[in-house]
N, C-alpha and C. Protein backbone atom coordinates (compact mmCIF):
# COMPACT_ATOMS: atom_id res chain seq x y z
N UNK A 1 1.21 -1.36 -0.66
CA UNK A 1 0.55 0.39 -0.17
C UNK A 1 0.91 1.13 0.07
N UNK A 2 0.38 1.33 -0.70
CA UNK A 2 1.34 3.50 -1.01
C UNK A 2 1.14 4.83 0.38
N UNK A 3 1.89 4.71 0.48
CA UNK A 3 0.97 5.28 1.61
C UNK A 3 1.10 7.55 1.67
N UNK A 4 0.96 8.60 1.87
CA UNK A 4 0.41 9.60 1.79
C UNK A 4 1.86 10.42 1.10
N UNK A 5 3.13 10.35 2.00
CA UNK A 5 4.27 10.80 1.61
C UNK A 5 5.37 10.04 0.48
N UNK A 6 4.85 9.00 0.38
CA UNK A 6 5.45 8.25 -1.04
C UNK A 6 4.37 9.32 -2.15
N UNK A 7 3.01 9.16 -2.14
CA UNK A 7 2.43 9.52 -3.07
C UNK A 7 3.35 11.35 -3.07
N UNK A 8 2.69 12.01 -1.97
CA UNK A 8 3.69 13.16 -2.86
C UNK A 8 4.99 13.23 -3.15
N UNK A 9 5.94 12.73 -2.85
CA UNK A 9 7.12 12.00 -3.06
C UNK A 9 6.87 11.56 -4.18
N UNK A 10 6.43 10.95 -4.63
CA UNK A 10 5.95 10.88 -6.90
C UNK A 10 5.62 11.82 -7.58
N UNK A 11 4.84 12.60 -6.59
CA UNK A 11 4.40 13.86 -8.47
C UNK A 11 5.31 14.58 -8.06
N UNK A 12 6.39 15.06 -7.05
CA UNK A 12 7.62 16.20 -6.60
C UNK A 12 8.38 15.17 -7.44
N UNK A 13 8.92 14.09 -7.71
CA UNK A 13 9.78 13.86 -8.29
C UNK A 13 9.02 13.16 -10.02
N UNK A 14 8.11 13.80 -10.55
CA UNK A 14 7.49 13.46 -11.75
C UNK A 14 6.69 14.94 -12.16
N UNK A 15 7.41 15.75 -11.17
CA UNK A 15 7.26 17.24 -11.82
C UNK A 15 5.38 17.26 -11.65
N UNK A 16 4.68 16.48 -11.42
CA UNK A 16 3.25 16.20 -11.48
C UNK A 16 3.30 17.70 -10.07
N UNK A 17 3.46 18.11 -8.89
CA UNK A 17 2.52 18.89 -7.87
C UNK A 17 4.56 19.76 -8.34
N UNK A 18 3.64 21.08 -8.23
CA UNK A 18 4.28 22.59 -9.23
C UNK A 18 3.85 23.96 -7.97
N UNK A 19 4.78 24.23 -7.92
CA UNK A 19 4.41 25.37 -7.30
C UNK A 19 4.18 26.92 -8.03
N UNK A 20 3.39 28.35 -7.77
CA UNK A 20 3.47 28.57 -8.46
C UNK A 20 2.57 29.48 -8.82
N UNK A 21 1.81 30.69 -9.49
CA UNK A 21 0.51 31.18 -8.94
C UNK A 21 0.09 30.89 -10.07
N UNK A 22 -1.36 29.91 -10.03
CA UNK A 22 -2.07 28.83 -10.85
C UNK A 22 -3.51 29.05 -10.83
N UNK A 23 -3.81 29.44 -11.92
CA UNK A 23 -5.62 29.28 -11.75
C UNK A 23 -6.26 28.11 -11.54
N UNK A 24 -6.69 27.71 -11.28
CA UNK A 24 -7.44 26.06 -10.82
C UNK A 24 -8.03 26.15 -12.01
N UNK A 25 -8.80 24.67 -12.36
CA UNK A 25 -9.47 24.75 -13.18
C UNK A 25 -11.12 25.11 -12.72
N UNK A 26 -11.11 25.38 -11.43
CA UNK A 26 -12.60 25.66 -10.20
C UNK A 26 -12.52 27.55 -11.05
N UNK A 27 -11.20 27.44 -11.47
CA UNK A 27 -11.06 29.62 -11.46
C UNK A 27 -11.16 30.09 -9.73
N UNK A 28 -10.61 28.51 -8.84
CA UNK A 28 -9.75 29.81 -7.40
C UNK A 28 -8.15 29.92 -8.00
N UNK A 29 -7.57 30.94 -7.05
CA UNK A 29 -6.04 30.63 -7.53
C UNK A 29 -5.58 29.91 -5.99
N UNK A 30 -4.68 30.01 -5.97
CA UNK A 30 -3.45 28.86 -5.38
C UNK A 30 -1.91 28.87 -5.73
N UNK A 31 -1.57 28.38 -4.72
CA UNK A 31 0.09 28.38 -4.99
C UNK A 31 0.52 27.53 -5.28
N UNK A 32 0.00 26.23 -5.48
CA UNK A 32 -0.03 25.02 -6.13
C UNK A 32 -0.82 23.75 -6.70
N UNK A 33 -0.76 23.74 -7.29
CA UNK A 33 -1.34 22.67 -8.80
C UNK A 33 -0.46 21.21 -8.16
N UNK A 34 -1.81 20.81 -8.69
CA UNK A 34 -1.32 19.00 -9.33
C UNK A 34 -1.75 18.98 -10.84
N UNK A 35 -0.64 18.79 -11.58
CA UNK A 35 -1.02 18.40 -13.21
C UNK A 35 -0.69 16.97 -13.14
N UNK A 36 -1.44 15.81 -12.86
CA UNK A 36 -1.78 14.39 -12.54
C UNK A 36 -1.27 14.06 -14.17
N UNK A 37 -1.42 14.44 -15.38
CA UNK A 37 -1.10 14.22 -16.15
C UNK A 37 0.02 13.60 -16.43
N UNK A 38 1.63 13.84 -15.49
CA UNK A 38 3.02 14.43 -15.82
C UNK A 38 3.15 13.17 -14.92
N UNK A 39 2.09 12.52 -14.32
CA UNK A 39 2.27 11.82 -12.36
C UNK A 39 2.15 10.02 -13.88
N UNK A 40 0.77 10.12 -13.92
CA UNK A 40 0.54 9.74 -14.60
C UNK A 40 1.22 8.81 -16.66
N UNK A 41 1.26 9.49 -16.55
CA UNK A 41 2.74 9.42 -17.90
C UNK A 41 3.15 8.15 -17.88
N UNK A 42 2.51 8.19 -15.86
CA UNK A 42 3.64 6.70 -15.97
C UNK A 42 3.50 5.31 -15.94
N UNK A 43 3.68 4.30 -16.89
CA UNK A 43 2.59 3.13 -16.47
C UNK A 43 2.58 2.35 -15.72
N UNK A 44 4.33 2.74 -14.21
CA UNK A 44 3.61 1.93 -12.67
C UNK A 44 2.97 2.97 -12.02
N UNK A 45 3.22 4.46 -12.51
CA UNK A 45 2.27 5.12 -11.78
C UNK A 45 0.71 4.99 -11.94
N UNK A 46 0.54 4.86 -13.84
CA UNK A 46 -0.72 5.09 -13.59
C UNK A 46 -1.53 3.90 -12.52
N UNK A 47 -1.09 2.58 -13.12
CA UNK A 47 -0.78 1.27 -12.55
C UNK A 47 -1.59 1.07 -11.44
N UNK A 48 -0.96 1.88 -10.25
CA UNK A 48 -0.88 1.72 -9.06
C UNK A 48 -2.13 2.21 -8.45
N UNK A 49 -2.21 3.81 -8.87
CA UNK A 49 -3.10 4.78 -8.48
C UNK A 49 -4.52 3.41 -8.85
N UNK A 50 -4.22 3.52 -10.30
CA UNK A 50 -6.11 2.73 -10.45
C UNK A 50 -6.13 1.89 -10.13
N UNK A 51 -5.30 0.72 -9.90
CA UNK A 51 -5.74 -0.88 -8.20
C UNK A 51 -6.20 0.03 -7.07
N UNK A 52 -5.33 0.74 -6.95
CA UNK A 52 -6.56 1.26 -5.33
C UNK A 52 -7.62 2.32 -5.61
N UNK A 53 -8.05 3.00 -6.42
CA UNK A 53 -9.22 2.53 -6.80
C UNK A 53 -9.92 0.87 -7.56
N UNK A 54 -9.90 0.59 -7.97
CA UNK A 54 -10.78 -0.57 -8.22
C UNK A 54 -10.89 -1.72 -7.32
N UNK A 55 -10.09 -1.32 -6.53
CA UNK A 55 -10.04 -1.92 -5.38
C UNK A 55 -11.53 -1.50 -4.56
N UNK A 56 -11.01 -0.84 -4.69
CA UNK A 56 -12.27 0.33 -3.27
C UNK A 56 -13.59 0.06 -4.33
N UNK A 57 -14.46 -0.25 -5.22
CA UNK A 57 -15.03 -0.03 -5.92
C UNK A 57 -15.29 -1.55 -6.60
N UNK A 58 -14.36 -2.19 -6.79
CA UNK A 58 -14.88 -3.81 -7.28
C UNK A 58 -15.99 -4.92 -6.70
N UNK A 59 -15.73 -4.62 -5.13
CA UNK A 59 -17.14 -5.16 -4.57
C UNK A 59 -18.52 -4.75 -5.51
N UNK A 60 -18.60 -3.51 -5.58
CA UNK A 60 -19.88 -3.23 -6.49
C UNK A 60 -20.18 -3.21 -8.15
N UNK A 61 -18.83 -3.51 -8.26
CA UNK A 61 -18.91 -4.41 -9.67
C UNK A 61 -19.73 -3.30 -10.91
N UNK A 62 -19.16 -1.76 -11.19
CA UNK A 62 -19.65 -1.49 -11.52
C UNK A 62 -20.33 -1.48 -13.40
N UNK A 63 -21.22 -1.01 -13.84
CA UNK A 63 -20.60 -2.17 -15.44
C UNK A 63 -20.36 -0.76 -16.52
N UNK A 64 -20.10 0.42 -15.45
CA UNK A 64 -19.52 1.03 -16.74
C UNK A 64 -18.38 2.57 -15.57
N UNK A 65 -17.27 3.26 -16.45
CA UNK A 65 -16.57 4.39 -15.64
C UNK A 65 -16.78 4.87 -16.57
N UNK A 66 -16.78 6.22 -15.89
CA UNK A 66 -16.82 8.07 -16.68
C UNK A 66 -16.56 8.61 -15.63
N UNK A 67 -15.66 9.82 -16.85
CA UNK A 67 -14.62 10.61 -15.87
C UNK A 67 -14.93 12.00 -17.14
N UNK A 68 -14.69 13.23 -16.03
CA UNK A 68 -14.72 14.06 -16.97
C UNK A 68 -13.24 14.40 -17.93
N UNK A 69 -13.86 14.57 -19.64
CA UNK A 69 -12.33 14.92 -19.63
C UNK A 69 -11.56 16.44 -19.90
N UNK A 70 -10.57 16.80 -19.83
CA UNK A 70 -9.44 16.09 -20.36
C UNK A 70 -9.48 15.27 -18.67
N UNK A 71 -8.54 15.74 -18.12
CA UNK A 71 -7.66 15.59 -16.30
C UNK A 71 -8.08 13.45 -16.25
N UNK A 72 -9.39 13.38 -16.34
CA UNK A 72 -10.46 12.15 -16.02
C UNK A 72 -9.75 11.31 -16.31
N UNK A 73 -9.36 11.14 -17.76
CA UNK A 73 -9.52 10.23 -19.18
C UNK A 73 -8.53 9.01 -18.88
N UNK A 74 -7.35 9.56 -18.15
CA UNK A 74 -6.64 8.78 -18.51
C UNK A 74 -7.26 7.46 -16.82
N UNK A 75 -7.32 7.87 -16.29
CA UNK A 75 -7.20 7.68 -15.31
C UNK A 75 -8.64 6.94 -15.00
N UNK A 76 -9.40 7.03 -16.00
CA UNK A 76 -11.08 6.13 -15.30
C UNK A 76 -10.74 5.64 -16.85
N UNK A 77 -9.73 5.41 -18.07
CA UNK A 77 -9.58 4.11 -18.18
C UNK A 77 -9.31 3.23 -18.18
N UNK A 78 -8.39 3.38 -16.76
CA UNK A 78 -7.41 2.84 -16.03
C UNK A 78 -7.74 1.93 -15.24
N UNK A 79 -8.33 2.51 -14.48
CA UNK A 79 -9.64 2.21 -13.70
C UNK A 79 -11.22 0.88 -14.39
N UNK A 80 -11.40 1.50 -15.32
CA UNK A 80 -12.02 0.58 -16.38
C UNK A 80 -11.29 -0.95 -15.83
N UNK A 81 -10.57 -0.82 -16.96
CA UNK A 81 -9.61 -1.98 -17.49
C UNK A 81 -9.11 -2.77 -15.61
N UNK A 82 -8.72 -2.21 -15.57
CA UNK A 82 -8.56 -2.76 -13.92
C UNK A 82 -9.76 -3.85 -13.51
N UNK A 83 -10.53 -2.77 -13.43
CA UNK A 83 -12.72 -3.09 -12.91
C UNK A 83 -12.57 -4.11 -14.39
N UNK A 84 -12.57 -3.83 -15.27
CA UNK A 84 -13.25 -5.12 -16.04
C UNK A 84 -14.22 -4.48 -17.40
N UNK A 85 -14.36 -3.15 -17.31
CA UNK A 85 -15.56 -2.93 -17.15
C UNK A 85 -15.65 -0.95 -18.64
N UNK A 86 -16.34 -0.93 -19.14
CA UNK A 86 -16.90 -0.41 -20.10
C UNK A 86 -16.44 1.58 -20.29
N UNK A 87 -15.37 1.71 -20.25
CA UNK A 87 -15.56 3.40 -20.53
C UNK A 87 -15.29 4.36 -21.15
N UNK A 88 -16.10 5.01 -20.85
CA UNK A 88 -16.15 6.50 -21.09
C UNK A 88 -16.13 7.76 -20.67
N UNK A 89 -16.53 9.11 -21.82
CA UNK A 89 -15.77 10.51 -20.24
C UNK A 89 -17.51 11.02 -21.24
N UNK A 90 -16.94 12.35 -20.85
CA UNK A 90 -17.92 13.60 -20.92
C UNK A 90 -16.81 14.59 -21.11
N UNK A 91 -17.08 14.75 -21.91
CA UNK A 91 -16.52 16.75 -22.28
C UNK A 91 -17.50 17.96 -22.63
N UNK A 92 -16.70 18.96 -22.67
CA UNK A 92 -17.38 20.13 -22.98
C UNK A 92 -17.93 20.74 -24.32
N UNK A 93 -18.52 20.70 -24.86
CA UNK A 93 -19.12 21.91 -25.59
C UNK A 93 -19.91 22.97 -25.95
N UNK A 94 -19.08 24.14 -26.21
CA UNK A 94 -19.07 25.23 -25.82
C UNK A 94 -19.98 25.70 -24.29
N UNK A 95 -18.56 25.26 -23.40
CA UNK A 95 -18.74 24.95 -22.23
C UNK A 95 -19.79 24.47 -21.92
N UNK A 96 -20.05 23.73 -22.27
CA UNK A 96 -21.10 23.00 -21.56
C UNK A 96 -21.55 21.18 -21.10
N UNK A 97 -21.11 20.70 -20.46
CA UNK A 97 -20.75 19.42 -20.15
C UNK A 97 -21.21 18.50 -21.29
N UNK A 98 -21.38 17.75 -21.28
CA UNK A 98 -22.57 16.70 -22.48
C UNK A 98 -21.46 15.79 -23.01
N UNK A 99 -22.48 14.25 -22.60
CA UNK A 99 -22.19 12.58 -23.12
C UNK A 99 -22.00 12.88 -24.30
N UNK A 100 -21.24 12.10 -25.69
CA UNK A 100 -21.35 12.80 -27.15
C UNK A 100 -20.76 11.49 -27.69
N UNK A 101 -20.03 11.13 -28.89
CA UNK A 101 -19.31 10.27 -29.47
C UNK A 101 -19.98 9.02 -29.62
N UNK A 102 -20.94 8.88 -29.80
CA UNK A 102 -21.93 7.50 -29.43
C UNK A 102 -21.63 7.23 -28.08
N UNK A 103 -21.91 7.41 -27.00
CA UNK A 103 -21.20 6.93 -25.16
C UNK A 103 -22.84 7.18 -25.28
N UNK A 104 -22.99 6.11 -24.60
CA UNK A 104 -24.17 6.12 -23.13
C UNK A 104 -24.66 5.10 -22.18
N UNK A 105 -25.01 5.81 -20.82
CA UNK A 105 -25.44 4.87 -20.32
C UNK A 105 -26.86 4.36 -20.28
N UNK A 106 -27.09 3.57 -19.72
CA UNK A 106 -28.23 2.34 -20.22
C UNK A 106 -29.79 3.26 -19.16
N UNK A 107 -30.48 3.22 -18.76
CA UNK A 107 -31.19 3.55 -17.47
C UNK A 107 -31.08 1.98 -16.17
N UNK A 108 -30.13 2.50 -15.68
CA UNK A 108 -30.24 1.23 -14.36
C UNK A 108 -28.58 0.63 -14.21
N UNK A 109 -28.36 1.11 -15.46
CA UNK A 109 -26.65 1.21 -15.15
C UNK A 109 -25.69 1.38 -13.89
N UNK A 110 -24.62 0.42 -13.77
CA UNK A 110 -24.22 1.03 -12.38
C UNK A 110 -22.43 1.55 -12.41
N UNK A 111 -23.35 2.97 -12.48
CA UNK A 111 -21.25 3.66 -12.68
C UNK A 111 -20.55 4.84 -11.67
N UNK A 112 -18.80 3.83 -12.28
CA UNK A 112 -18.52 5.05 -11.35
C UNK A 112 -17.72 6.50 -11.54
N UNK A 113 -17.80 7.38 -11.20
CA UNK A 113 -16.98 8.64 -11.36
C UNK A 113 -16.14 8.30 -11.10
N UNK A 114 -15.02 9.27 -11.73
CA UNK A 114 -13.17 9.59 -11.79
C UNK A 114 -13.20 10.55 -12.42
N UNK A 115 -12.06 10.96 -11.51
CA UNK A 115 -11.23 12.17 -11.84
C UNK A 115 -9.85 12.14 -10.74
N UNK A 116 -9.22 12.84 -11.49
CA UNK A 116 -7.49 13.58 -11.48
C UNK A 116 -7.47 13.82 -9.86
N UNK A 117 -8.26 15.43 -10.68
CA UNK A 117 -8.05 15.92 -9.11
C UNK A 117 -9.40 16.80 -8.54
N UNK A 118 -9.29 17.36 -7.14
CA UNK A 118 -11.36 17.94 -7.49
C UNK A 118 -10.59 18.73 -6.33
N UNK A 119 -11.29 19.77 -6.23
CA UNK A 119 -10.73 21.11 -5.94
C UNK A 119 -12.41 21.78 -5.28
N UNK A 120 -13.48 21.91 -6.05
CA UNK A 120 -14.81 22.01 -6.03
C UNK A 120 -14.92 20.67 -6.39
N UNK A 121 -14.61 20.18 -6.97
CA UNK A 121 -15.81 19.11 -7.59
C UNK A 121 -16.96 19.06 -8.65
N UNK A 122 -16.58 20.35 -8.31
CA UNK A 122 -17.43 21.00 -10.52
C UNK A 122 -17.47 19.83 -11.70
N UNK A 123 -17.27 20.04 -11.82
CA UNK A 123 -16.69 19.08 -13.16
C UNK A 123 -17.35 17.67 -12.74
N UNK A 124 -17.18 16.81 -11.57
CA UNK A 124 -17.58 15.94 -11.31
C UNK A 124 -19.19 15.37 -10.45
N UNK A 125 -19.25 17.18 -10.26
CA UNK A 125 -20.87 17.07 -10.69
C UNK A 125 -22.03 17.13 -11.36
N UNK A 126 -21.23 17.99 -12.39
CA UNK A 126 -21.93 18.43 -13.24
C UNK A 126 -22.05 17.23 -14.69
N UNK A 127 -21.17 15.62 -14.14
CA UNK A 127 -20.67 15.39 -14.97
C UNK A 127 -21.90 13.84 -14.21
N UNK A 128 -21.55 13.60 -12.82
CA UNK A 128 -23.14 13.16 -11.98
C UNK A 128 -24.24 13.48 -12.52
N UNK A 129 -24.70 15.70 -12.57
CA UNK A 129 -26.46 15.85 -13.04
C UNK A 129 -26.01 14.87 -14.69
N UNK A 130 -25.11 14.09 -15.62
CA UNK A 130 -25.64 13.65 -16.93
C UNK A 130 -26.13 11.94 -16.50
N UNK A 131 -24.97 11.93 -15.47
CA UNK A 131 -25.28 10.99 -15.43
C UNK A 131 -26.65 10.18 -15.38
N UNK A 132 -27.68 10.90 -14.18
CA UNK A 132 -28.62 10.90 -13.36
C UNK A 132 -29.40 11.37 -14.28
N UNK A 133 -29.06 12.12 -15.60
CA UNK A 133 -30.20 12.38 -16.96
C UNK A 133 -30.87 10.85 -17.06
N UNK A 134 -29.40 10.69 -17.53
CA UNK A 134 -29.59 8.74 -18.02
C UNK A 134 -30.53 7.62 -17.78
N UNK A 135 -30.12 7.94 -16.88
CA UNK A 135 -31.22 7.14 -15.45
C UNK A 135 -29.81 5.48 -14.60
N UNK A 136 -28.58 6.23 -15.12
CA UNK A 136 -27.96 5.62 -14.69
C UNK A 136 -27.38 5.97 -13.19
N UNK A 137 -27.09 4.43 -12.28
CA UNK A 137 -27.13 4.06 -10.77
C UNK A 137 -26.15 4.77 -10.79
N UNK A 138 -25.84 5.77 -10.35
CA UNK A 138 -24.25 6.32 -9.81
C UNK A 138 -23.80 5.66 -8.34
N UNK A 139 -22.95 5.20 -8.22
CA UNK A 139 -22.80 3.53 -7.04
C UNK A 139 -21.17 4.61 -6.66
N UNK A 140 -20.60 5.11 -7.20
CA UNK A 140 -19.14 5.73 -6.58
C UNK A 140 -18.72 7.07 -6.66
N UNK A 141 -17.73 7.20 -6.53
CA UNK A 141 -16.98 8.51 -6.94
C UNK A 141 -15.40 8.01 -6.60
N UNK A 142 -14.75 8.39 -7.64
CA UNK A 142 -13.43 7.14 -7.43
C UNK A 142 -12.06 8.96 -8.10
N UNK A 143 -11.40 9.50 -6.60
CA UNK A 143 -10.55 10.38 -7.02
C UNK A 143 -9.05 10.16 -6.93
N UNK A 144 -8.00 10.25 -7.22
CA UNK A 144 -6.77 10.51 -7.68
C UNK A 144 -6.14 11.15 -6.39
N UNK A 145 -6.93 12.95 -6.47
CA UNK A 145 -7.02 13.89 -5.52
C UNK A 145 -7.47 14.47 -5.25
N UNK A 146 -7.86 14.54 -3.51
CA UNK A 146 -8.75 15.36 -2.91
C UNK A 146 -7.93 16.93 -2.44
N UNK A 147 -8.22 17.55 -2.96
CA UNK A 147 -7.65 19.39 -2.49
C UNK A 147 -9.20 19.55 -2.45
N UNK A 148 -10.07 19.38 -1.98
CA UNK A 148 -10.85 20.70 -2.04
C UNK A 148 -11.38 20.62 -0.11
N UNK A 149 -10.14 20.17 1.00
CA UNK A 149 -10.41 20.83 1.90
C UNK A 149 -11.42 19.64 2.21
N UNK A 150 -11.99 18.84 1.83
CA UNK A 150 -13.44 18.48 3.14
C UNK A 150 -14.92 18.80 2.45
N UNK A 151 -14.91 19.92 1.59
CA UNK A 151 -16.05 20.77 1.06
C UNK A 151 -16.75 20.11 -0.20
N UNK A 152 -15.96 19.40 -0.53
CA UNK A 152 -16.20 19.19 -2.89
C UNK A 152 -16.94 17.30 -1.76
N UNK A 153 -17.80 17.21 -0.95
CA UNK A 153 -18.81 15.49 -1.07
C UNK A 153 -19.64 14.92 -1.30
N UNK A 154 -19.27 14.86 -2.04
CA UNK A 154 -20.56 14.16 -4.03
C UNK A 154 -20.66 13.79 -4.25
N UNK A 155 -20.65 12.02 -3.00
CA UNK A 155 -21.24 11.53 -2.90
C UNK A 155 -21.05 10.62 -1.43
N UNK A 156 -21.97 9.19 -1.24
CA UNK A 156 -21.87 8.79 0.20
C UNK A 156 -20.41 8.15 0.33
N UNK A 157 -20.55 7.14 -1.36
CA UNK A 157 -19.28 7.12 -1.41
C UNK A 157 -18.12 6.98 -2.29
N UNK A 158 -17.31 8.15 -1.84
CA UNK A 158 -16.69 8.97 -2.58
C UNK A 158 -15.49 8.13 -1.48
N UNK A 159 -14.56 7.93 -2.70
CA UNK A 159 -13.54 7.58 -2.49
C UNK A 159 -11.99 8.40 -2.79
N UNK A 160 -10.55 8.51 -2.04
CA UNK A 160 -9.54 9.50 -2.58
C UNK A 160 -8.85 9.05 -1.82
N UNK A 161 -7.59 8.61 -3.08
CA UNK A 161 -6.42 8.33 -2.56
C UNK A 161 -5.56 8.89 -1.22
N UNK A 162 -5.34 10.66 -1.59
CA UNK A 162 -4.84 11.44 -0.99
C UNK A 162 -5.85 12.67 -0.85
N UNK A 163 -6.21 12.88 0.42
CA UNK A 163 -6.54 14.10 1.03
C UNK A 163 -5.50 15.56 1.18
N UNK A 164 -5.51 16.93 0.26
CA UNK A 164 -4.67 17.89 0.99
C UNK A 164 -4.92 18.12 0.94
N UNK A 165 -4.37 19.27 2.32
CA UNK A 165 -4.84 20.34 2.72
C UNK A 165 -4.39 21.51 1.92
N UNK A 166 -5.30 22.58 1.31
CA UNK A 166 -4.56 22.96 -0.11
C UNK A 166 -5.22 23.97 -0.40
N UNK A 167 -4.57 25.83 -0.67
CA UNK A 167 -5.35 27.32 0.34
C UNK A 167 -5.65 27.18 -1.52
N UNK A 168 -7.21 27.68 -1.56
CA UNK A 168 -6.91 28.28 -2.52
C UNK A 168 -8.54 29.71 -2.26
N UNK A 169 -8.25 30.85 -2.99
CA UNK A 169 -9.02 31.33 -3.11
C UNK A 169 -9.75 32.26 -3.69
N UNK A 170 -10.26 32.74 -4.31
CA UNK A 170 -11.14 33.49 -4.58
C UNK A 170 -10.84 33.94 -5.17
N UNK A 171 -11.03 35.01 -7.12
CA UNK A 171 -10.52 35.34 -7.36
C UNK A 171 -10.05 37.78 -6.78
N UNK A 172 -11.07 37.80 -6.13
CA UNK A 172 -10.53 38.67 -5.06
C UNK A 172 -10.23 38.63 -3.71
N UNK A 173 -10.30 37.19 -3.02
CA UNK A 173 -8.79 37.11 -2.12
C UNK A 173 -7.86 37.01 -1.60
N UNK A 174 -7.10 36.93 -3.51
CA UNK A 174 -5.21 36.73 -3.52
C UNK A 174 -4.59 37.38 -2.58
N UNK A 175 -3.59 36.42 -1.70
CA UNK A 175 -3.48 37.88 -0.97
C UNK A 175 -1.64 38.60 -2.35
N UNK A 176 -1.40 39.50 -1.47
CA UNK A 176 -0.90 40.27 -2.86
C UNK A 176 0.53 38.83 -2.51
N UNK A 177 0.85 38.51 -1.91
CA UNK A 177 2.60 37.51 -2.49
C UNK A 177 2.12 36.71 -3.16
N UNK A 178 1.47 36.68 -3.35
CA UNK A 178 0.89 35.16 -4.48
C UNK A 178 -0.06 36.30 -5.89
N UNK A 179 -0.76 37.40 -5.49
CA UNK A 179 -0.37 38.56 -6.91
C UNK A 179 0.54 39.33 -7.89
N UNK A 180 2.28 39.41 -6.81
CA UNK A 180 2.92 39.39 -7.29
C UNK A 180 3.68 38.56 -8.59
N UNK A 181 3.19 36.67 -8.36
CA UNK A 181 3.68 35.94 -9.44
C UNK A 181 2.84 35.98 -10.23
N UNK A 182 2.97 35.75 -11.47
CA UNK A 182 2.59 35.46 -13.03
C UNK A 182 2.20 34.40 -12.64
N UNK A 183 0.14 34.66 -13.19
CA UNK A 183 -0.87 33.81 -13.22
C UNK A 183 -0.43 32.88 -14.15
N UNK A 184 -0.42 31.77 -13.73
CA UNK A 184 -0.30 30.21 -15.04
C UNK A 184 -1.16 30.19 -15.40
N UNK A 185 -2.05 29.50 -15.96
CA UNK A 185 -3.78 28.20 -16.46
C UNK A 185 -3.74 27.81 -16.88
N UNK A 186 -2.74 26.10 -16.31
CA UNK A 186 -2.95 24.74 -16.46
C UNK A 186 -3.88 24.58 -16.76
N UNK A 187 -5.24 24.31 -16.04
CA UNK A 187 -6.77 23.51 -16.16
C UNK A 187 -7.28 24.36 -17.28
N UNK A 188 -7.96 22.82 -17.45
CA UNK A 188 -8.80 22.42 -19.04
C UNK A 188 -9.56 23.51 -18.95
N UNK A 189 -10.20 24.17 -18.36
CA UNK A 189 -11.44 24.77 -19.21
C UNK A 189 -11.77 26.18 -18.58
N UNK A 190 -10.01 27.02 -18.50
CA UNK A 190 -10.13 27.99 -18.56
C UNK A 190 -8.36 28.23 -19.91
N UNK A 191 -8.16 27.35 -20.52
CA UNK A 191 -6.86 28.56 -21.52
C UNK A 191 -7.35 28.73 -21.88
N UNK A 192 -6.57 29.74 -22.72
CA UNK A 192 -6.94 30.67 -23.33
C UNK A 192 -5.87 30.45 -24.97
């Protein structure tokens, strides 16, 4: 079993834990950023983290894993592989989260939502709303890094590999020392 210290070391060694001034996908500002794609590009870490999530939900036997694009797709696909079930993703079209590309969720199917990082849980909540609209049965939410400080309570069966205490600020709350650092926008929703 990988412990929290080992996971943080893995993130640092793969340059997946960045420091600076970031605008997160949620729109909040932070002095650090998890770029999970940097760690998940390494098969040994992708597989190890996916197995941890899959083991948590295997007894439920999900029919399908869905992830919000882009961040959750790689992790969700590997979790689905470990569980032996279909994997699909939702994506933004003109700013609105949709299920397309011929993907579908049938009424009553057991659906696991997988995401790489949550701060507010907004993207996951949008995906959950889509699943509910299709009549799918959400059986859980699996996350690699929960940096919501406990505020993103999305489902009664929610599992995070690691929970990080993360400080983030609203647009009008950014402290001077952070404001002095040029902004980076690594999140997929606010790319310019």
